[in-house]
N, C-alpha and C. Protein backbone atom coordinates (compact mmCIF):
# COMPACT_ATOMS: atom_id res chain seq x y z
N UNK A 1 2.93 -95.29 -39.62
CA UNK A 1 2.64 -94.33 -40.32
C UNK A 1 3.32 -93.12 -40.01
N UNK A 2 4.18 -92.51 -41.05
CA UNK A 2 5.29 -91.35 -40.61
C UNK A 2 4.36 -89.94 -40.73
N UNK A 3 4.97 -89.31 -39.58
CA UNK A 3 4.40 -87.96 -39.80
C UNK A 3 3.85 -87.16 -41.00
N UNK A 4 4.88 -87.52 -42.08
CA UNK A 4 4.60 -86.74 -43.43
C UNK A 4 3.42 -87.42 -44.02
N UNK A 5 3.08 -88.72 -44.08
CA UNK A 5 2.04 -89.27 -44.41
C UNK A 5 0.82 -88.96 -43.76
N UNK A 6 0.81 -88.73 -42.55
CA UNK A 6 -0.14 -88.30 -41.65
C UNK A 6 -0.64 -86.98 -42.08
N UNK A 7 0.34 -85.90 -42.12
CA UNK A 7 0.17 -84.69 -42.72
C UNK A 7 -0.52 -84.53 -44.05
N UNK A 8 -0.15 -85.41 -45.08
CA UNK A 8 -0.71 -85.57 -46.57
C UNK A 8 -2.12 -86.05 -46.35
N UNK A 9 -2.40 -86.95 -45.33
CA UNK A 9 -3.97 -87.39 -45.20
C UNK A 9 -4.66 -86.42 -44.51
N UNK A 10 -4.26 -85.59 -43.57
CA UNK A 10 -4.98 -84.40 -43.08
C UNK A 10 -5.36 -83.41 -44.38
N UNK A 11 -4.36 -83.32 -45.20
CA UNK A 11 -4.33 -82.08 -46.17
C UNK A 11 -5.52 -82.54 -47.17
N UNK A 12 -5.51 -83.86 -47.41
CA UNK A 12 -6.27 -84.64 -48.44
C UNK A 12 -8.00 -84.46 -47.86
N UNK A 13 -7.82 -84.76 -46.51
CA UNK A 13 -9.08 -84.68 -45.62
C UNK A 13 -9.69 -83.40 -45.96
N UNK A 14 -8.91 -82.24 -45.43
CA UNK A 14 -9.44 -80.96 -45.42
C UNK A 14 -9.75 -80.71 -46.94
N UNK A 15 -8.73 -80.83 -48.01
CA UNK A 15 -9.40 -80.62 -49.11
C UNK A 15 -10.73 -81.12 -49.64
N UNK A 16 -10.92 -82.47 -49.04
CA UNK A 16 -12.22 -83.05 -49.61
C UNK A 16 -13.66 -82.49 -48.63
N UNK A 17 -13.06 -82.16 -47.40
CA UNK A 17 -14.21 -81.56 -46.62
C UNK A 17 -14.57 -80.29 -47.23
N UNK A 18 -13.68 -79.22 -47.68
CA UNK A 18 -13.94 -77.93 -48.17
C UNK A 18 -14.56 -78.08 -49.47
N UNK A 19 -14.16 -79.20 -50.32
CA UNK A 19 -14.97 -79.23 -51.59
C UNK A 19 -16.46 -79.49 -51.36
N UNK A 20 -16.80 -80.48 -50.58
CA UNK A 20 -17.89 -81.03 -50.17
C UNK A 20 -18.90 -79.86 -49.75
N UNK A 21 -18.27 -78.84 -48.83
CA UNK A 21 -18.80 -77.61 -48.46
C UNK A 21 -19.20 -76.77 -49.56
N UNK A 22 -18.47 -76.76 -50.57
CA UNK A 22 -18.62 -75.76 -51.78
C UNK A 22 -19.72 -76.46 -52.57
N UNK A 23 -19.76 -77.72 -52.73
CA UNK A 23 -20.82 -78.39 -53.54
C UNK A 23 -22.15 -77.99 -52.92
N UNK A 24 -22.36 -78.16 -51.57
CA UNK A 24 -23.67 -77.78 -50.98
C UNK A 24 -23.95 -76.33 -51.42
N UNK A 25 -23.06 -75.38 -51.15
CA UNK A 25 -23.28 -74.01 -51.38
C UNK A 25 -23.54 -73.74 -52.93
N UNK A 26 -23.08 -74.52 -53.71
CA UNK A 26 -23.60 -74.42 -55.18
C UNK A 26 -24.96 -74.86 -55.47
N UNK A 27 -25.19 -75.74 -54.66
CA UNK A 27 -26.69 -76.37 -54.69
C UNK A 27 -27.58 -75.25 -54.21
N UNK A 28 -27.11 -74.87 -52.96
CA UNK A 28 -28.20 -73.81 -52.43
C UNK A 28 -28.09 -72.59 -53.29
N UNK A 29 -27.54 -72.22 -54.13
CA UNK A 29 -27.51 -71.01 -54.87
C UNK A 29 -27.78 -71.37 -56.42
N UNK A 30 -28.13 -72.54 -56.63
CA UNK A 30 -28.74 -73.00 -58.12
C UNK A 30 -27.64 -73.09 -58.91
N UNK A 31 -26.42 -73.43 -58.75
CA UNK A 31 -25.42 -73.65 -59.81
C UNK A 31 -25.39 -75.03 -60.23
N UNK A 32 -25.00 -75.22 -61.71
CA UNK A 32 -25.11 -76.49 -62.05
C UNK A 32 -23.87 -77.12 -61.77
N UNK A 33 -23.68 -78.57 -62.21
CA UNK A 33 -22.72 -79.27 -61.83
C UNK A 33 -21.33 -78.68 -62.19
N UNK A 34 -21.08 -78.20 -63.25
CA UNK A 34 -19.92 -77.41 -63.68
C UNK A 34 -19.70 -76.45 -62.80
N UNK A 35 -20.71 -75.56 -62.27
CA UNK A 35 -20.44 -74.53 -61.51
C UNK A 35 -19.94 -74.96 -60.08
N UNK A 36 -20.62 -76.13 -59.71
CA UNK A 36 -20.30 -76.64 -58.43
C UNK A 36 -18.77 -77.06 -58.34
N UNK A 37 -18.47 -77.63 -59.46
CA UNK A 37 -16.98 -78.24 -59.57
C UNK A 37 -16.11 -77.06 -59.46
N UNK A 38 -16.21 -76.09 -60.20
CA UNK A 38 -15.37 -75.02 -60.37
C UNK A 38 -15.17 -74.23 -58.75
N UNK A 39 -16.59 -74.20 -58.28
CA UNK A 39 -16.55 -73.62 -56.88
C UNK A 39 -15.65 -74.32 -55.95
N UNK A 40 -15.97 -75.78 -55.95
CA UNK A 40 -15.38 -76.61 -54.97
C UNK A 40 -13.77 -76.57 -55.40
N UNK A 41 -13.24 -76.39 -56.44
CA UNK A 41 -11.87 -76.31 -56.68
C UNK A 41 -11.40 -75.17 -56.29
N UNK A 42 -11.99 -73.87 -56.35
CA UNK A 42 -11.58 -72.69 -55.76
C UNK A 42 -11.47 -72.47 -54.21
N UNK A 43 -12.53 -73.16 -53.62
CA UNK A 43 -12.65 -73.23 -52.21
C UNK A 43 -11.81 -74.33 -51.78
N UNK A 44 -11.39 -75.28 -52.30
CA UNK A 44 -10.61 -76.20 -51.56
C UNK A 44 -9.14 -75.99 -51.81
N UNK A 45 -8.57 -75.24 -52.95
CA UNK A 45 -7.17 -74.97 -53.14
C UNK A 45 -6.95 -73.59 -52.97
N UNK A 46 -7.92 -72.62 -52.69
CA UNK A 46 -7.88 -71.27 -52.48
C UNK A 46 -6.71 -70.76 -51.33
N UNK A 47 -6.93 -71.34 -50.19
CA UNK A 47 -6.34 -70.93 -49.13
C UNK A 47 -5.12 -71.45 -49.12
N UNK A 48 -4.58 -72.91 -49.49
CA UNK A 48 -3.35 -73.18 -49.65
C UNK A 48 -2.68 -72.46 -50.67
N UNK A 49 -3.32 -72.04 -51.91
CA UNK A 49 -2.70 -71.39 -52.87
C UNK A 49 -2.06 -70.05 -52.24
N UNK A 50 -2.95 -69.35 -51.62
CA UNK A 50 -2.80 -67.86 -51.22
C UNK A 50 -1.41 -68.20 -50.14
N UNK A 51 -1.54 -68.98 -49.27
CA UNK A 51 -0.47 -69.43 -48.31
C UNK A 51 0.77 -69.55 -48.94
N UNK A 52 0.76 -70.27 -50.02
CA UNK A 52 2.14 -70.82 -50.81
C UNK A 52 2.63 -69.61 -51.33
N UNK A 53 1.69 -68.75 -51.97
CA UNK A 53 2.32 -67.53 -52.58
C UNK A 53 2.96 -66.59 -51.76
N UNK A 54 2.14 -66.36 -50.47
CA UNK A 54 2.82 -65.46 -49.39
C UNK A 54 4.21 -66.00 -49.01
N UNK A 55 4.39 -67.24 -48.97
CA UNK A 55 5.54 -67.85 -48.61
C UNK A 55 6.70 -68.02 -49.32
N UNK A 56 6.28 -67.64 -50.79
CA UNK A 56 7.20 -67.95 -52.00
C UNK A 56 7.56 -69.41 -52.14
N UNK A 57 6.65 -70.41 -51.88
CA UNK A 57 6.64 -71.69 -52.21
C UNK A 57 6.05 -71.82 -53.67
N UNK A 58 6.63 -71.83 -54.54
CA UNK A 58 6.33 -71.94 -56.00
C UNK A 58 7.04 -73.08 -56.71
N UNK A 59 6.25 -73.75 -57.70
CA UNK A 59 4.71 -73.47 -57.86
C UNK A 59 4.21 -73.82 -56.66
N UNK A 60 2.67 -73.63 -56.59
CA UNK A 60 1.93 -73.74 -55.53
C UNK A 60 1.50 -75.34 -55.29
N UNK A 61 1.41 -75.60 -54.29
CA UNK A 61 1.21 -77.20 -53.98
C UNK A 61 0.40 -78.03 -55.12
N UNK A 62 -0.67 -77.78 -55.33
CA UNK A 62 -1.29 -78.57 -56.16
C UNK A 62 -0.93 -78.57 -57.66
N UNK A 63 -0.13 -77.97 -58.00
CA UNK A 63 0.36 -77.94 -59.65
C UNK A 63 1.47 -79.23 -59.85
N UNK A 64 2.11 -79.48 -58.86
CA UNK A 64 2.95 -80.65 -59.01
C UNK A 64 2.51 -81.71 -58.27
N UNK A 65 1.41 -81.73 -57.65
CA UNK A 65 0.83 -82.92 -56.92
C UNK A 65 -0.67 -82.80 -57.15
N UNK A 66 -1.17 -83.96 -58.24
CA UNK A 66 -2.39 -84.12 -58.74
C UNK A 66 -3.44 -84.36 -57.55
N UNK A 67 -2.73 -84.90 -56.41
CA UNK A 67 -3.63 -85.59 -55.62
C UNK A 67 -4.79 -84.77 -55.13
N UNK A 68 -4.71 -83.32 -55.02
CA UNK A 68 -5.35 -82.34 -54.64
C UNK A 68 -6.66 -82.26 -55.63
N UNK A 69 -6.45 -82.17 -56.97
CA UNK A 69 -7.28 -81.98 -57.84
C UNK A 69 -8.20 -83.31 -58.07
N UNK A 70 -7.34 -84.40 -57.88
CA UNK A 70 -8.08 -85.66 -58.06
C UNK A 70 -9.08 -85.99 -56.75
N UNK A 71 -8.91 -85.41 -55.74
CA UNK A 71 -9.83 -85.46 -54.78
C UNK A 71 -10.72 -84.56 -54.70
N UNK A 72 -10.62 -83.54 -55.30
CA UNK A 72 -11.66 -82.29 -55.25
C UNK A 72 -12.73 -82.47 -56.15
N UNK A 73 -12.40 -82.92 -57.41
CA UNK A 73 -13.37 -82.90 -58.28
C UNK A 73 -14.38 -84.06 -58.05
N UNK A 74 -14.02 -85.27 -57.94
CA UNK A 74 -14.99 -86.42 -57.42
C UNK A 74 -15.76 -86.00 -56.20
N UNK A 75 -15.25 -85.47 -55.24
CA UNK A 75 -15.88 -85.19 -53.93
C UNK A 75 -17.11 -84.19 -54.56
N UNK A 76 -16.67 -83.28 -55.22
CA UNK A 76 -17.48 -82.05 -55.65
C UNK A 76 -18.80 -82.76 -56.53
N UNK A 77 -18.36 -83.65 -57.41
CA UNK A 77 -19.63 -84.20 -57.97
C UNK A 77 -20.46 -84.97 -57.15
N UNK A 78 -19.96 -85.64 -56.38
CA UNK A 78 -20.79 -86.57 -55.24
C UNK A 78 -21.28 -85.68 -54.45
N UNK A 79 -20.71 -84.63 -54.08
CA UNK A 79 -21.46 -83.75 -52.97
C UNK A 79 -22.65 -82.95 -53.70
N UNK A 80 -22.61 -82.67 -55.02
CA UNK A 80 -23.47 -81.86 -55.69
C UNK A 80 -24.69 -82.97 -55.87
N UNK A 81 -24.58 -84.07 -56.18
CA UNK A 81 -25.87 -84.77 -56.20
C UNK A 81 -26.43 -85.24 -54.86
N UNK A 82 -25.67 -85.33 -53.92
CA UNK A 82 -26.17 -85.60 -52.58
C UNK A 82 -27.00 -84.46 -52.08
N UNK A 83 -26.40 -83.18 -52.34
CA UNK A 83 -27.16 -81.90 -51.95
C UNK A 83 -28.39 -81.78 -52.65
N UNK A 84 -28.44 -82.37 -54.09
CA UNK A 84 -29.61 -82.02 -54.73
C UNK A 84 -30.78 -83.00 -54.04
N UNK A 85 -30.27 -83.99 -53.61
CA UNK A 85 -31.47 -84.94 -53.07
C UNK A 85 -32.10 -84.38 -51.60
N UNK A 86 -31.21 -83.48 -51.00
CA UNK A 86 -31.60 -82.95 -49.87
C UNK A 86 -33.11 -82.06 -49.68
N UNK A 87 -33.95 -82.19 -49.03
CA UNK A 87 -34.97 -81.19 -49.20
C UNK A 87 -34.34 -79.73 -48.94
N UNK A 88 -34.92 -78.92 -49.82
CA UNK A 88 -34.80 -77.36 -49.82
C UNK A 88 -35.64 -76.76 -48.64
N UNK A 89 -35.01 -75.52 -48.20
CA UNK A 89 -36.03 -74.72 -47.04
C UNK A 89 -36.27 -75.26 -45.79
N UNK A 90 -35.37 -76.40 -45.22
CA UNK A 90 -35.61 -76.93 -43.85
C UNK A 90 -34.20 -76.61 -43.00
N UNK A 91 -33.22 -75.90 -43.82
CA UNK A 91 -32.08 -75.64 -43.10
C UNK A 91 -31.00 -76.92 -43.24
N UNK A 92 -31.44 -77.98 -43.67
CA UNK A 92 -30.49 -79.22 -43.54
C UNK A 92 -29.27 -78.90 -44.38
N UNK A 93 -29.39 -78.20 -45.48
CA UNK A 93 -28.13 -78.00 -46.44
C UNK A 93 -27.16 -77.02 -45.76
N UNK A 94 -27.73 -76.09 -45.15
CA UNK A 94 -27.15 -75.02 -44.50
C UNK A 94 -26.40 -75.59 -43.19
N UNK A 95 -26.98 -76.59 -42.65
CA UNK A 95 -26.50 -77.37 -41.27
C UNK A 95 -25.26 -78.16 -41.72
N UNK A 96 -25.43 -78.85 -42.79
CA UNK A 96 -24.17 -79.54 -43.17
C UNK A 96 -22.98 -78.58 -43.62
N UNK A 97 -23.41 -77.62 -44.36
CA UNK A 97 -22.36 -76.54 -44.94
C UNK A 97 -21.46 -76.44 -43.74
N UNK A 98 -22.23 -75.69 -42.95
CA UNK A 98 -21.50 -75.21 -41.78
C UNK A 98 -20.68 -76.25 -40.98
N UNK A 99 -21.14 -77.26 -40.76
CA UNK A 99 -20.43 -78.48 -40.09
C UNK A 99 -19.03 -78.69 -40.83
N UNK A 100 -19.30 -79.00 -41.93
CA UNK A 100 -18.05 -79.09 -43.14
C UNK A 100 -17.23 -78.01 -43.09
N UNK A 101 -17.65 -76.89 -43.19
CA UNK A 101 -16.91 -75.71 -43.10
C UNK A 101 -16.11 -75.66 -41.74
N UNK A 102 -16.67 -75.90 -40.82
CA UNK A 102 -16.05 -75.89 -39.29
C UNK A 102 -14.89 -76.94 -39.42
N UNK A 103 -15.11 -78.12 -39.97
CA UNK A 103 -13.84 -79.11 -40.12
C UNK A 103 -12.88 -78.33 -40.87
N UNK A 104 -13.06 -78.06 -42.26
CA UNK A 104 -12.36 -77.64 -43.14
C UNK A 104 -11.43 -76.27 -42.24
N UNK A 105 -12.10 -75.45 -41.71
CA UNK A 105 -11.21 -74.28 -40.98
C UNK A 105 -10.36 -74.97 -39.81
N UNK A 106 -10.73 -75.99 -39.19
CA UNK A 106 -9.78 -76.48 -38.32
C UNK A 106 -8.52 -77.12 -38.94
N UNK A 107 -9.04 -77.85 -39.86
CA UNK A 107 -7.76 -78.79 -40.49
C UNK A 107 -6.97 -77.82 -41.49
N UNK A 108 -7.51 -77.01 -42.11
CA UNK A 108 -6.62 -76.17 -42.91
C UNK A 108 -5.77 -75.14 -42.14
N UNK A 109 -6.21 -74.65 -41.02
CA UNK A 109 -5.50 -73.93 -40.12
C UNK A 109 -4.14 -74.66 -39.69
N UNK A 110 -4.46 -75.88 -39.24
CA UNK A 110 -3.18 -76.69 -38.76
C UNK A 110 -2.37 -77.01 -39.89
N UNK A 111 -2.76 -77.22 -41.17
CA UNK A 111 -1.79 -77.47 -42.05
C UNK A 111 -1.06 -76.13 -42.42
N UNK A 112 -1.61 -74.89 -42.47
CA UNK A 112 -1.15 -73.61 -42.89
C UNK A 112 0.15 -73.18 -41.86
N UNK A 113 -0.29 -73.35 -40.35
CA UNK A 113 0.64 -73.31 -39.34
C UNK A 113 1.92 -74.18 -39.64
N UNK A 114 1.65 -75.45 -39.73
CA UNK A 114 2.72 -76.36 -40.06
C UNK A 114 3.54 -75.98 -41.41
N UNK A 115 2.87 -75.73 -42.43
CA UNK A 115 3.70 -75.39 -43.67
C UNK A 115 4.54 -73.95 -43.17
N UNK A 116 3.88 -73.07 -42.54
CA UNK A 116 4.66 -71.79 -42.30
C UNK A 116 5.80 -72.21 -41.25
N UNK A 117 5.63 -73.12 -40.24
CA UNK A 117 6.71 -73.41 -39.54
C UNK A 117 7.77 -74.16 -40.30
N UNK A 118 7.60 -74.85 -41.48
CA UNK A 118 8.58 -75.36 -42.22
C UNK A 118 9.47 -74.40 -42.91
N UNK A 119 8.94 -73.20 -43.24
CA UNK A 119 9.37 -72.15 -44.13
C UNK A 119 10.21 -71.17 -42.92
N UNK A 120 10.32 -71.51 -41.66
CA UNK A 120 11.11 -70.66 -40.87
C UNK A 120 10.58 -69.47 -40.32
N UNK A 121 9.30 -69.39 -40.46
CA UNK A 121 8.82 -67.79 -39.92
C UNK A 121 8.69 -68.05 -38.64
N UNK A 122 8.30 -66.86 -37.90
CA UNK A 122 8.13 -66.73 -36.68
C UNK A 122 6.65 -67.24 -36.17
N UNK A 123 6.62 -67.44 -34.99
CA UNK A 123 5.48 -67.84 -34.42
C UNK A 123 4.28 -67.03 -34.72
N UNK A 124 4.40 -65.59 -34.95
CA UNK A 124 3.17 -64.86 -34.89
C UNK A 124 2.69 -64.99 -36.63
N UNK A 125 3.75 -65.05 -37.46
CA UNK A 125 3.63 -65.39 -38.94
C UNK A 125 2.91 -66.48 -38.98
N UNK A 126 3.27 -67.58 -38.37
CA UNK A 126 2.89 -68.94 -38.50
C UNK A 126 1.44 -68.97 -38.25
N UNK A 127 0.89 -68.16 -37.34
CA UNK A 127 -0.40 -68.15 -36.64
C UNK A 127 -1.05 -67.73 -37.99
N UNK A 128 -0.59 -66.51 -38.18
CA UNK A 128 -1.42 -65.62 -39.47
C UNK A 128 -1.58 -66.31 -40.64
N UNK A 129 -0.66 -67.27 -41.10
CA UNK A 129 -0.62 -67.84 -42.18
C UNK A 129 -1.63 -69.15 -42.16
N UNK A 130 -1.65 -69.69 -40.72
CA UNK A 130 -2.55 -70.79 -40.40
C UNK A 130 -4.11 -70.03 -40.80
N UNK A 131 -4.31 -68.85 -40.32
CA UNK A 131 -5.55 -68.32 -40.33
C UNK A 131 -6.14 -67.99 -41.69
N UNK A 132 -4.87 -67.55 -42.53
CA UNK A 132 -5.34 -67.33 -44.00
C UNK A 132 -5.49 -68.57 -44.68
N UNK A 133 -4.96 -69.62 -44.43
CA UNK A 133 -5.01 -71.01 -44.89
C UNK A 133 -6.65 -71.37 -44.62
N UNK A 134 -6.72 -71.26 -43.42
CA UNK A 134 -8.19 -71.70 -42.98
C UNK A 134 -9.32 -70.80 -43.36
N UNK A 135 -9.19 -69.90 -43.72
CA UNK A 135 -10.37 -68.93 -44.07
C UNK A 135 -10.49 -68.60 -45.36
N UNK A 136 -9.55 -68.29 -46.21
CA UNK A 136 -9.65 -67.84 -47.59
C UNK A 136 -10.35 -68.68 -48.78
N UNK A 137 -10.23 -70.08 -48.19
CA UNK A 137 -11.17 -70.97 -49.11
C UNK A 137 -12.57 -70.84 -49.08
N UNK A 138 -12.95 -70.66 -47.73
CA UNK A 138 -14.36 -70.36 -47.30
C UNK A 138 -14.76 -69.14 -48.00
N UNK A 139 -13.92 -68.01 -48.01
CA UNK A 139 -14.15 -66.51 -48.42
C UNK A 139 -14.42 -66.79 -49.84
N UNK A 140 -13.63 -67.34 -50.58
CA UNK A 140 -13.56 -67.38 -52.12
C UNK A 140 -14.98 -68.09 -52.50
N UNK A 141 -15.34 -69.18 -51.77
CA UNK A 141 -16.60 -69.89 -52.05
C UNK A 141 -17.83 -68.91 -51.74
N UNK A 142 -17.97 -68.34 -50.71
CA UNK A 142 -19.12 -67.51 -50.35
C UNK A 142 -19.14 -66.08 -51.13
N UNK A 143 -18.01 -65.73 -51.84
CA UNK A 143 -17.97 -64.54 -52.49
C UNK A 143 -18.38 -64.93 -54.05
N UNK A 144 -17.95 -66.08 -54.40
CA UNK A 144 -18.45 -66.29 -55.82
C UNK A 144 -20.02 -66.75 -55.84
N UNK A 145 -20.54 -66.83 -54.67
CA UNK A 145 -21.94 -67.15 -54.59
C UNK A 145 -22.77 -65.82 -53.94
N UNK A 146 -21.92 -64.66 -53.97
CA UNK A 146 -22.75 -63.40 -53.55
C UNK A 146 -23.00 -63.49 -52.02
N UNK A 147 -22.30 -64.02 -51.30
CA UNK A 147 -22.81 -64.24 -50.00
C UNK A 147 -21.63 -63.59 -49.06
N UNK A 148 -22.19 -62.97 -48.04
CA UNK A 148 -21.13 -62.22 -47.15
C UNK A 148 -20.26 -63.54 -46.38
N UNK A 149 -19.01 -63.40 -46.63
CA UNK A 149 -18.05 -64.47 -46.04
C UNK A 149 -18.21 -64.77 -44.41
N UNK A 150 -18.09 -65.74 -43.93
CA UNK A 150 -18.12 -66.11 -42.53
C UNK A 150 -17.10 -65.10 -41.64
N UNK A 151 -16.31 -64.97 -42.37
CA UNK A 151 -14.80 -64.30 -41.70
C UNK A 151 -15.12 -62.74 -41.35
N UNK A 152 -16.25 -62.10 -42.23
CA UNK A 152 -16.57 -60.99 -41.77
C UNK A 152 -17.82 -60.84 -41.07
N UNK A 153 -18.41 -61.85 -40.43
CA UNK A 153 -19.33 -61.77 -39.47
C UNK A 153 -18.83 -61.96 -38.19
N UNK A 154 -19.95 -61.35 -37.11
CA UNK A 154 -19.29 -61.51 -35.77
C UNK A 154 -19.90 -62.78 -35.16
N UNK A 155 -19.10 -64.03 -35.74
CA UNK A 155 -19.38 -65.21 -35.00
C UNK A 155 -17.74 -65.90 -34.74
N UNK A 156 -16.87 -65.23 -34.41
CA UNK A 156 -15.64 -65.66 -33.88
C UNK A 156 -14.96 -66.54 -35.01
N UNK A 157 -15.23 -66.36 -36.48
CA UNK A 157 -14.52 -67.33 -37.26
C UNK A 157 -13.31 -67.26 -37.26
N UNK A 158 -12.88 -66.14 -37.68
CA UNK A 158 -11.38 -66.00 -37.73
C UNK A 158 -10.43 -66.23 -36.47
N UNK A 159 -11.25 -65.76 -35.25
CA UNK A 159 -10.72 -65.66 -33.93
C UNK A 159 -10.38 -67.17 -33.64
N UNK A 160 -11.43 -67.96 -33.95
CA UNK A 160 -11.22 -69.50 -33.61
C UNK A 160 -9.89 -69.92 -34.41
N UNK A 161 -9.96 -69.54 -35.49
CA UNK A 161 -8.43 -70.09 -36.08
C UNK A 161 -7.32 -69.45 -35.77
N UNK A 162 -7.17 -68.38 -35.30
CA UNK A 162 -6.11 -67.60 -34.72
C UNK A 162 -5.76 -68.32 -33.30
N UNK A 163 -6.73 -68.30 -32.50
CA UNK A 163 -6.39 -68.92 -31.35
C UNK A 163 -6.14 -70.39 -31.43
N UNK A 164 -6.85 -71.33 -32.49
CA UNK A 164 -6.26 -72.68 -32.83
C UNK A 164 -4.96 -72.82 -32.82
N UNK A 165 -4.39 -71.95 -33.90
CA UNK A 165 -3.13 -71.86 -34.42
C UNK A 165 -2.21 -71.69 -33.10
N UNK A 166 -2.45 -70.50 -32.43
CA UNK A 166 -1.56 -70.36 -31.20
C UNK A 166 -1.59 -71.51 -30.35
N UNK A 167 -2.79 -72.30 -30.06
CA UNK A 167 -2.93 -73.24 -29.13
C UNK A 167 -1.77 -74.44 -29.59
N UNK A 168 -1.93 -74.71 -31.04
CA UNK A 168 -1.16 -75.51 -31.43
C UNK A 168 0.46 -75.30 -31.50
N UNK A 169 0.82 -74.26 -31.52
CA UNK A 169 2.02 -73.84 -31.41
C UNK A 169 2.68 -74.20 -29.87
N UNK A 170 1.64 -73.74 -29.01
CA UNK A 170 1.98 -73.51 -27.44
C UNK A 170 2.17 -75.30 -26.87
N UNK A 171 1.12 -76.04 -27.58
CA UNK A 171 1.18 -77.35 -27.32
C UNK A 171 2.44 -78.09 -27.81
N UNK A 172 2.80 -77.72 -28.88
CA UNK A 172 4.13 -78.30 -29.56
C UNK A 172 5.28 -78.08 -28.60
N UNK A 173 5.45 -77.08 -27.65
CA UNK A 173 6.31 -76.97 -26.61
C UNK A 173 6.47 -78.18 -25.56
N UNK A 174 5.13 -78.81 -25.23
CA UNK A 174 5.21 -79.51 -24.11
C UNK A 174 4.80 -81.23 -24.78
N UNK A 175 4.26 -81.26 -26.05
CA UNK A 175 3.60 -82.66 -26.42
C UNK A 175 4.03 -82.69 -28.02
N UNK A 176 4.13 -84.04 -28.13
CA UNK A 176 4.27 -84.35 -29.73
C UNK A 176 3.41 -83.59 -30.61
N UNK A 177 3.80 -83.76 -31.87
CA UNK A 177 3.11 -83.01 -32.94
C UNK A 177 1.63 -83.63 -33.11
N UNK A 178 1.57 -85.15 -33.03
CA UNK A 178 0.35 -85.79 -33.40
C UNK A 178 -0.78 -85.12 -32.19
N UNK A 179 -0.41 -85.43 -30.92
CA UNK A 179 -1.52 -85.07 -29.87
C UNK A 179 -1.55 -83.51 -29.82
N UNK A 180 -0.69 -82.77 -30.05
CA UNK A 180 -0.82 -81.24 -30.17
C UNK A 180 -1.80 -80.92 -31.38
N UNK A 181 -1.65 -81.59 -32.49
CA UNK A 181 -2.75 -81.44 -33.59
C UNK A 181 -4.01 -81.87 -33.20
N UNK A 182 -3.92 -83.07 -32.77
CA UNK A 182 -5.43 -83.51 -32.30
C UNK A 182 -6.20 -82.79 -31.42
N UNK A 183 -5.45 -82.13 -30.23
CA UNK A 183 -6.34 -81.50 -29.33
C UNK A 183 -6.53 -80.01 -29.86
N UNK A 184 -5.61 -79.38 -30.53
CA UNK A 184 -6.02 -78.20 -31.26
C UNK A 184 -7.16 -78.25 -32.27
N UNK A 185 -7.08 -79.25 -32.98
CA UNK A 185 -8.37 -79.62 -33.83
C UNK A 185 -9.70 -79.68 -33.12
N UNK A 186 -9.54 -80.53 -32.07
CA UNK A 186 -10.90 -80.69 -31.40
C UNK A 186 -11.27 -79.51 -30.70
N UNK A 187 -10.52 -78.55 -30.32
CA UNK A 187 -10.74 -77.45 -29.82
C UNK A 187 -11.42 -76.46 -30.67
N UNK A 188 -10.64 -76.18 -31.94
CA UNK A 188 -11.41 -75.51 -32.90
C UNK A 188 -12.75 -75.86 -33.29
N UNK A 189 -12.64 -77.26 -33.74
CA UNK A 189 -14.01 -77.56 -34.11
C UNK A 189 -15.15 -77.51 -32.92
N UNK A 190 -14.70 -77.98 -31.72
CA UNK A 190 -15.68 -77.87 -30.60
C UNK A 190 -16.40 -76.53 -30.38
N UNK A 191 -15.19 -75.50 -30.52
CA UNK A 191 -15.89 -74.19 -30.25
C UNK A 191 -16.74 -73.69 -31.32
N UNK A 192 -16.13 -74.02 -32.56
CA UNK A 192 -16.75 -73.48 -33.88
C UNK A 192 -18.51 -73.94 -34.02
N UNK A 193 -18.53 -75.52 -33.60
CA UNK A 193 -19.82 -76.06 -33.44
C UNK A 193 -20.71 -75.36 -32.32
N UNK A 194 -20.04 -75.24 -31.18
CA UNK A 194 -20.73 -74.65 -30.32
C UNK A 194 -21.52 -73.32 -30.58
N UNK A 195 -20.61 -72.34 -31.41
CA UNK A 195 -21.09 -70.98 -32.06
C UNK A 195 -22.19 -71.20 -32.80
N UNK A 196 -22.08 -72.46 -33.70
CA UNK A 196 -23.37 -72.42 -34.57
C UNK A 196 -24.51 -73.01 -33.99
N UNK A 197 -24.16 -73.73 -32.71
CA UNK A 197 -25.16 -74.36 -32.12
C UNK A 197 -26.14 -73.27 -31.47
N UNK A 198 -25.46 -71.94 -31.12
CA UNK A 198 -26.09 -70.86 -30.58
C UNK A 198 -26.72 -69.77 -31.37
N UNK A 199 -26.52 -70.20 -32.88
CA UNK A 199 -27.04 -69.25 -33.77
C UNK A 199 -28.19 -69.88 -34.51
N UNK A 200 -29.22 -68.97 -34.76
CA UNK A 200 -30.37 -69.24 -35.77
C UNK A 200 -29.74 -69.44 -37.28
N UNK A 201 -30.22 -70.35 -38.03
CA UNK A 201 -29.90 -70.45 -39.36
C UNK A 201 -30.50 -69.32 -40.21
N UNK A 202 -29.75 -68.70 -41.04
CA UNK A 202 -30.44 -67.89 -41.98
C UNK A 202 -31.54 -68.01 -42.81
């Protein structure tokens, strides 16, 4: 498997994860199936869209590659029906939402940094673009549900993304891209899950 195919696979996985988190959020806020699908599209594609616009990569990634729409819609529909079968009021939906969001944050951060590198940006800008890619989709999801975005709360959300992007760039100086990405992903996901484990659900 070439690095390009691996990157595409990670991008599709990140899209699916964020779409699933949006579907759960939609059920938690009593949106219907159509609303859940719209929310999933906005969440899964929002960060990458803003990234591409900032880097001047037009048309944005999902216009010419239907892979991401084709991934988002079925995952949103499946996620909606799975979430509706979960009992409400016991924090289970929120727990799954946060776990999926943590995965999406880590995956999209790495993809954002990589795309910024391909655009020949500086290391600092690449880390910032990675953070934007990792956090904007979740912000859109939460804002559409009238929820304070996680990035605005004191739970290290954006900090984890920035630190993970910087770690990835540092590791690229001493390791191949695959291991560097794997270590950075594990670090971001692990720290994020640790933060969540120390919090009480709302």
